[in-house]
C-alpha cells in the first residue's frame, strides 16, 4: 500500500511539473494508410481521398492550411487523424506500383 501511495504522489508531482496533458495527446493518432488524394479544399480546410482496397471516397477536415502544403491531387498518401477525425499530418508515399498488362494469350 505504501508503494502505491508513493507511486501516485510521484505521478501527481510529474503531472504538476509538466502541466496538464490533454487526453488526445495521451492516445495514439489514427492513421489512414495508402489513400489517393482526390481533391483539396484549402479554403474550407478539407481533403478528399480514395481509400486503398474498397475505393471508398472520404472527405475529412484538416486542422490547418500548413498540413496540406505541398500536397497535390493524385498523390499517394497516409493521413494521421486526431481524436475528432481531423487530419493533423499528411505523409507522402511512393507512387503505387503500376500493374503490368497480362500478355495476350493469343499472341
N, C-alpha and C. Protein backbone atom coordinates (compact mmCIF):
# COMPACT_ATOMS: atom_id res chain seq x y z
N UNK A 1 0.82 -1.19 0.00
CA UNK A 1 0.00 0.00 0.00
C UNK A 1 0.87 1.26 0.00
N UNK A 2 1.97 1.18 0.76
CA UNK A 2 2.87 2.32 0.85
C UNK A 2 3.51 2.61 -0.53
N UNK A 3 3.87 1.54 -1.26
CA UNK A 3 4.47 1.71 -2.59
C UNK A 3 3.47 2.35 -3.55
N UNK A 4 2.21 1.97 -3.44
CA UNK A 4 1.17 2.56 -4.29
C UNK A 4 1.04 4.05 -4.03
N UNK A 5 1.03 4.42 -2.75
CA UNK A 5 0.89 5.84 -2.38
C UNK A 5 2.08 6.65 -2.90
N UNK A 6 3.27 6.10 -2.78
CA UNK A 6 4.47 6.79 -3.27
C UNK A 6 4.39 6.96 -4.79
N UNK A 7 3.95 5.91 -5.49
CA UNK A 7 3.81 5.97 -6.95
C UNK A 7 2.81 7.04 -7.36
N UNK A 8 1.67 7.07 -6.71
CA UNK A 8 0.64 8.07 -7.04
C UNK A 8 1.13 9.49 -6.78
N UNK A 9 1.82 9.70 -5.68
CA UNK A 9 2.36 11.03 -5.38
C UNK A 9 3.40 11.42 -6.43
N UNK A 10 4.22 10.47 -6.85
CA UNK A 10 5.22 10.74 -7.90
C UNK A 10 4.54 11.14 -9.21
N UNK A 11 3.48 10.45 -9.55
CA UNK A 11 2.75 10.77 -10.79
C UNK A 11 2.15 12.17 -10.69
N UNK A 12 1.54 12.51 -9.56
CA UNK A 12 0.95 13.84 -9.39
C UNK A 12 2.00 14.93 -9.46
N UNK A 13 3.17 14.69 -8.87
CA UNK A 13 4.26 15.67 -8.94
C UNK A 13 4.72 15.83 -10.38
N UNK A 14 4.86 14.69 -11.10
CA UNK A 14 5.30 14.75 -12.50
C UNK A 14 4.30 15.52 -13.36
N UNK A 15 3.00 15.24 -13.22
CA UNK A 15 1.98 15.94 -13.99
C UNK A 15 1.97 17.41 -13.62
N UNK A 16 2.18 17.70 -12.35
CA UNK A 16 2.22 19.10 -11.92
C UNK A 16 3.38 19.87 -12.51
N UNK A 17 4.53 19.21 -12.69
CA UNK A 17 5.69 19.90 -13.25
C UNK A 17 5.61 20.01 -14.77
N UNK A 18 5.00 19.03 -15.41
CA UNK A 18 4.88 19.05 -16.87
C UNK A 18 3.73 19.92 -17.30
N UNK A 19 2.68 19.96 -16.52
CA UNK A 19 1.48 20.71 -16.86
C UNK A 19 0.39 19.75 -17.29
N UNK A 20 -0.80 20.29 -17.50
CA UNK A 20 -1.90 19.41 -17.88
C UNK A 20 -1.65 18.76 -19.24
N UNK A 21 -2.04 17.51 -19.36
CA UNK A 21 -1.87 16.77 -20.59
C UNK A 21 -3.25 16.47 -21.14
N UNK A 22 -3.51 16.85 -22.37
CA UNK A 22 -4.80 16.60 -23.00
C UNK A 22 -4.95 15.11 -23.26
N UNK A 23 -6.18 14.64 -23.16
CA UNK A 23 -6.45 13.23 -23.41
C UNK A 23 -6.02 12.84 -24.82
N UNK A 24 -6.24 13.72 -25.79
CA UNK A 24 -5.87 13.41 -27.17
C UNK A 24 -4.36 13.23 -27.32
N UNK A 25 -3.58 13.88 -26.47
CA UNK A 25 -2.13 13.71 -26.52
C UNK A 25 -1.71 12.36 -25.96
N UNK A 26 -2.51 11.80 -25.06
CA UNK A 26 -2.18 10.52 -24.48
C UNK A 26 -2.53 9.36 -25.40
N UNK A 27 -3.53 9.54 -26.24
CA UNK A 27 -3.98 8.48 -27.12
C UNK A 27 -3.29 8.61 -28.47
N UNK A 28 -2.94 7.49 -29.06
CA UNK A 28 -2.26 7.49 -30.35
C UNK A 28 -3.20 7.97 -31.44
N UNK A 29 -2.67 8.67 -32.41
CA UNK A 29 -3.45 9.12 -33.55
C UNK A 29 -3.80 7.94 -34.44
N UNK A 30 -4.90 8.06 -35.13
CA UNK A 30 -5.31 7.04 -36.09
C UNK A 30 -4.63 7.35 -37.42
N UNK A 31 -4.20 6.33 -38.12
CA UNK A 31 -3.55 6.53 -39.41
C UNK A 31 -4.35 5.83 -40.49
N UNK A 32 -4.61 6.55 -41.57
CA UNK A 32 -5.29 6.01 -42.74
C UNK A 32 -4.21 5.89 -43.82
N UNK A 33 -3.81 4.67 -44.12
CA UNK A 33 -2.66 4.44 -45.00
C UNK A 33 -3.08 4.06 -46.41
N UNK A 34 -2.30 4.52 -47.38
CA UNK A 34 -2.46 4.09 -48.76
C UNK A 34 -3.65 4.68 -49.48
N UNK A 35 -3.91 5.97 -49.28
CA UNK A 35 -5.02 6.63 -49.95
C UNK A 35 -4.50 7.51 -51.08
N UNK A 36 -5.38 7.82 -52.03
CA UNK A 36 -5.03 8.70 -53.14
C UNK A 36 -5.83 9.98 -53.00
N UNK A 37 -5.14 11.13 -53.09
CA UNK A 37 -5.80 12.42 -52.95
C UNK A 37 -6.70 12.66 -54.16
N UNK A 38 -7.99 12.90 -53.89
CA UNK A 38 -8.97 13.18 -54.94
C UNK A 38 -9.19 14.67 -55.11
N UNK A 39 -9.28 15.40 -53.99
CA UNK A 39 -9.46 16.85 -54.06
C UNK A 39 -8.96 17.50 -52.77
N UNK A 40 -8.60 18.78 -52.90
CA UNK A 40 -8.10 19.56 -51.77
C UNK A 40 -8.86 20.88 -51.75
N UNK A 41 -9.43 21.22 -50.61
CA UNK A 41 -10.12 22.50 -50.44
C UNK A 41 -9.35 23.29 -49.39
N UNK A 42 -8.45 24.14 -49.85
CA UNK A 42 -7.60 24.88 -48.92
C UNK A 42 -8.36 26.00 -48.22
N UNK A 43 -9.48 26.44 -48.77
CA UNK A 43 -10.28 27.48 -48.11
C UNK A 43 -11.17 26.86 -47.04
N UNK A 44 -11.85 25.76 -47.39
CA UNK A 44 -12.71 25.07 -46.45
C UNK A 44 -11.98 24.11 -45.54
N UNK A 45 -10.67 23.97 -45.76
CA UNK A 45 -9.81 23.08 -44.98
C UNK A 45 -10.34 21.64 -44.93
N UNK A 46 -10.55 21.07 -46.12
CA UNK A 46 -10.93 19.66 -46.22
C UNK A 46 -10.10 18.99 -47.31
N UNK A 47 -9.95 17.69 -47.16
CA UNK A 47 -9.27 16.89 -48.17
C UNK A 47 -10.13 15.66 -48.42
N UNK A 48 -10.23 15.28 -49.68
CA UNK A 48 -10.98 14.09 -50.06
C UNK A 48 -10.00 13.09 -50.63
N UNK A 49 -10.07 11.85 -50.13
CA UNK A 49 -9.18 10.79 -50.59
C UNK A 49 -9.99 9.57 -50.98
N UNK A 50 -9.40 8.78 -51.87
CA UNK A 50 -9.96 7.47 -52.21
C UNK A 50 -9.11 6.45 -51.48
N UNK A 51 -9.78 5.60 -50.68
CA UNK A 51 -9.05 4.64 -49.87
C UNK A 51 -8.58 3.47 -50.70
N UNK A 52 -7.51 2.85 -50.22
CA UNK A 52 -7.00 1.64 -50.88
C UNK A 52 -7.96 0.49 -50.56
N UNK A 53 -7.96 -0.50 -51.39
CA UNK A 53 -8.81 -1.66 -51.14
C UNK A 53 -10.20 -1.48 -51.69
N UNK A 54 -11.13 -0.97 -50.85
CA UNK A 54 -12.52 -0.86 -51.29
C UNK A 54 -12.79 0.37 -52.14
N UNK A 55 -11.88 1.34 -52.16
CA UNK A 55 -12.02 2.51 -53.03
C UNK A 55 -13.04 3.53 -52.57
N UNK A 56 -13.42 3.49 -51.29
CA UNK A 56 -14.35 4.50 -50.77
C UNK A 56 -13.72 5.87 -50.84
N UNK A 57 -14.56 6.89 -51.06
CA UNK A 57 -14.09 8.27 -51.03
C UNK A 57 -14.49 8.88 -49.70
N UNK A 58 -13.50 9.44 -49.00
CA UNK A 58 -13.71 10.06 -47.70
C UNK A 58 -13.28 11.51 -47.76
N UNK A 59 -14.10 12.39 -47.22
CA UNK A 59 -13.77 13.80 -47.11
C UNK A 59 -13.61 14.12 -45.63
N UNK A 60 -12.45 14.69 -45.27
CA UNK A 60 -12.15 14.93 -43.87
C UNK A 60 -11.66 16.35 -43.66
N UNK A 61 -11.99 16.93 -42.49
CA UNK A 61 -11.46 18.26 -42.17
C UNK A 61 -9.97 18.18 -41.84
N UNK A 62 -9.28 19.27 -42.10
CA UNK A 62 -7.84 19.37 -41.82
C UNK A 62 -7.66 20.46 -40.76
N UNK A 63 -6.74 20.24 -39.81
CA UNK A 63 -6.57 21.18 -38.69
C UNK A 63 -6.06 22.56 -39.13
N UNK A 64 -5.34 22.64 -40.22
CA UNK A 64 -4.82 23.93 -40.66
C UNK A 64 -4.25 23.86 -42.06
N UNK A 65 -4.09 25.01 -42.71
CA UNK A 65 -3.60 25.02 -44.09
C UNK A 65 -2.18 24.50 -44.25
N UNK A 66 -1.36 24.60 -43.21
CA UNK A 66 0.03 24.12 -43.31
C UNK A 66 0.09 22.61 -43.51
N UNK A 67 -0.91 21.90 -43.03
CA UNK A 67 -0.93 20.44 -43.15
C UNK A 67 -1.01 20.03 -44.62
N UNK A 68 -1.72 20.81 -45.43
CA UNK A 68 -1.92 20.47 -46.85
C UNK A 68 -0.85 21.04 -47.77
N UNK A 69 0.06 21.81 -47.22
CA UNK A 69 1.09 22.47 -48.04
C UNK A 69 1.93 21.43 -48.79
N UNK A 70 2.04 21.59 -50.10
CA UNK A 70 2.86 20.71 -50.92
C UNK A 70 2.16 19.44 -51.38
N UNK A 71 0.92 19.23 -50.95
CA UNK A 71 0.17 18.02 -51.34
C UNK A 71 -0.65 18.35 -52.59
N UNK A 72 -0.63 17.44 -53.56
CA UNK A 72 -1.38 17.67 -54.80
C UNK A 72 -2.31 16.50 -55.10
N UNK A 73 -3.32 16.78 -55.91
CA UNK A 73 -4.28 15.77 -56.32
C UNK A 73 -3.55 14.64 -57.05
N UNK A 74 -3.93 13.41 -56.76
CA UNK A 74 -3.33 12.25 -57.39
C UNK A 74 -2.21 11.61 -56.60
N UNK A 75 -1.73 12.30 -55.55
CA UNK A 75 -0.63 11.73 -54.75
C UNK A 75 -1.13 10.60 -53.85
N UNK A 76 -0.24 9.66 -53.62
CA UNK A 76 -0.47 8.51 -52.75
C UNK A 76 0.00 8.92 -51.36
N UNK A 77 -0.90 8.90 -50.35
CA UNK A 77 -0.58 9.44 -49.03
C UNK A 77 -1.10 8.57 -47.89
N UNK A 78 -0.58 8.84 -46.71
CA UNK A 78 -1.13 8.34 -45.46
C UNK A 78 -1.55 9.57 -44.67
N UNK A 79 -2.66 9.44 -43.94
CA UNK A 79 -3.18 10.56 -43.16
C UNK A 79 -3.19 10.19 -41.69
N UNK A 80 -2.71 11.09 -40.84
CA UNK A 80 -2.81 10.90 -39.40
C UNK A 80 -3.97 11.76 -38.91
N UNK A 81 -4.88 11.13 -38.16
CA UNK A 81 -6.08 11.81 -37.68
C UNK A 81 -6.04 11.97 -36.17
N UNK A 82 -6.61 13.08 -35.68
CA UNK A 82 -6.73 13.25 -34.24
C UNK A 82 -8.01 12.58 -33.75
N UNK A 83 -8.31 12.74 -32.48
CA UNK A 83 -9.47 12.07 -31.89
C UNK A 83 -10.79 12.58 -32.44
N UNK A 84 -10.81 13.76 -33.04
CA UNK A 84 -12.03 14.31 -33.64
C UNK A 84 -12.15 13.95 -35.12
N UNK A 85 -11.20 13.17 -35.64
CA UNK A 85 -11.24 12.77 -37.04
C UNK A 85 -10.69 13.82 -38.00
N UNK A 86 -9.97 14.80 -37.47
CA UNK A 86 -9.34 15.83 -38.31
C UNK A 86 -7.95 15.39 -38.71
N UNK A 87 -7.56 15.73 -39.93
CA UNK A 87 -6.22 15.39 -40.42
C UNK A 87 -5.21 16.32 -39.78
N UNK A 88 -4.21 15.73 -39.09
CA UNK A 88 -3.17 16.52 -38.44
C UNK A 88 -1.84 16.42 -39.17
N UNK A 89 -1.70 15.37 -40.01
CA UNK A 89 -0.44 15.18 -40.74
C UNK A 89 -0.71 14.38 -42.01
N UNK A 90 -0.09 14.80 -43.10
CA UNK A 90 -0.18 14.08 -44.37
C UNK A 90 1.22 13.63 -44.74
N UNK A 91 1.38 12.34 -44.95
CA UNK A 91 2.68 11.77 -45.31
C UNK A 91 2.61 11.27 -46.74
N UNK A 92 3.46 11.81 -47.60
CA UNK A 92 3.50 11.37 -48.99
C UNK A 92 4.18 10.01 -49.08
N UNK A 93 3.59 9.12 -49.86
CA UNK A 93 4.13 7.79 -50.06
C UNK A 93 4.66 7.65 -51.47
N UNK A 94 5.47 6.63 -51.69
CA UNK A 94 5.94 6.35 -53.05
C UNK A 94 4.72 6.03 -53.91
N UNK A 95 4.77 6.37 -55.18
CA UNK A 95 3.63 6.05 -56.05
C UNK A 95 3.32 4.56 -56.03
N UNK A 96 2.04 4.25 -56.13
CA UNK A 96 1.63 2.85 -56.17
C UNK A 96 2.20 2.20 -57.42
N UNK A 97 2.70 0.98 -57.30
CA UNK A 97 3.26 0.32 -58.49
C UNK A 97 2.16 0.09 -59.53
N UNK A 98 2.52 0.35 -60.77
CA UNK A 98 1.56 0.16 -61.86
C UNK A 98 1.46 -1.32 -62.17
N UNK A 99 0.23 -1.75 -62.41
CA UNK A 99 0.02 -3.15 -62.76
C UNK A 99 0.43 -3.36 -64.20
N UNK A 100 1.21 -4.42 -64.42
CA UNK A 100 1.62 -4.73 -65.79
C UNK A 100 0.49 -5.43 -66.50
N UNK A 101 0.37 -5.12 -67.77
CA UNK A 101 -0.67 -5.77 -68.54
C UNK A 101 -0.29 -7.24 -68.76
N UNK A 102 -1.27 -8.10 -68.63
CA UNK A 102 -1.01 -9.52 -68.85
C UNK A 102 -0.77 -9.76 -70.36
N UNK A 103 0.17 -10.62 -70.69
CA UNK A 103 0.43 -10.88 -72.12
C UNK A 103 -0.81 -11.49 -72.77
N UNK A 104 -1.01 -11.14 -74.02
CA UNK A 104 -2.16 -11.65 -74.78
C UNK A 104 -1.93 -13.13 -75.05
N UNK A 105 -2.82 -14.01 -74.54
CA UNK A 105 -2.60 -15.44 -74.71
C UNK A 105 -2.70 -15.89 -76.18
N UNK A 106 -3.36 -15.08 -77.02
CA UNK A 106 -3.50 -15.44 -78.41
C UNK A 106 -2.31 -15.03 -79.26
N UNK A 107 -1.38 -14.31 -78.70
CA UNK A 107 -0.25 -13.82 -79.49
C UNK A 107 0.89 -14.79 -79.52
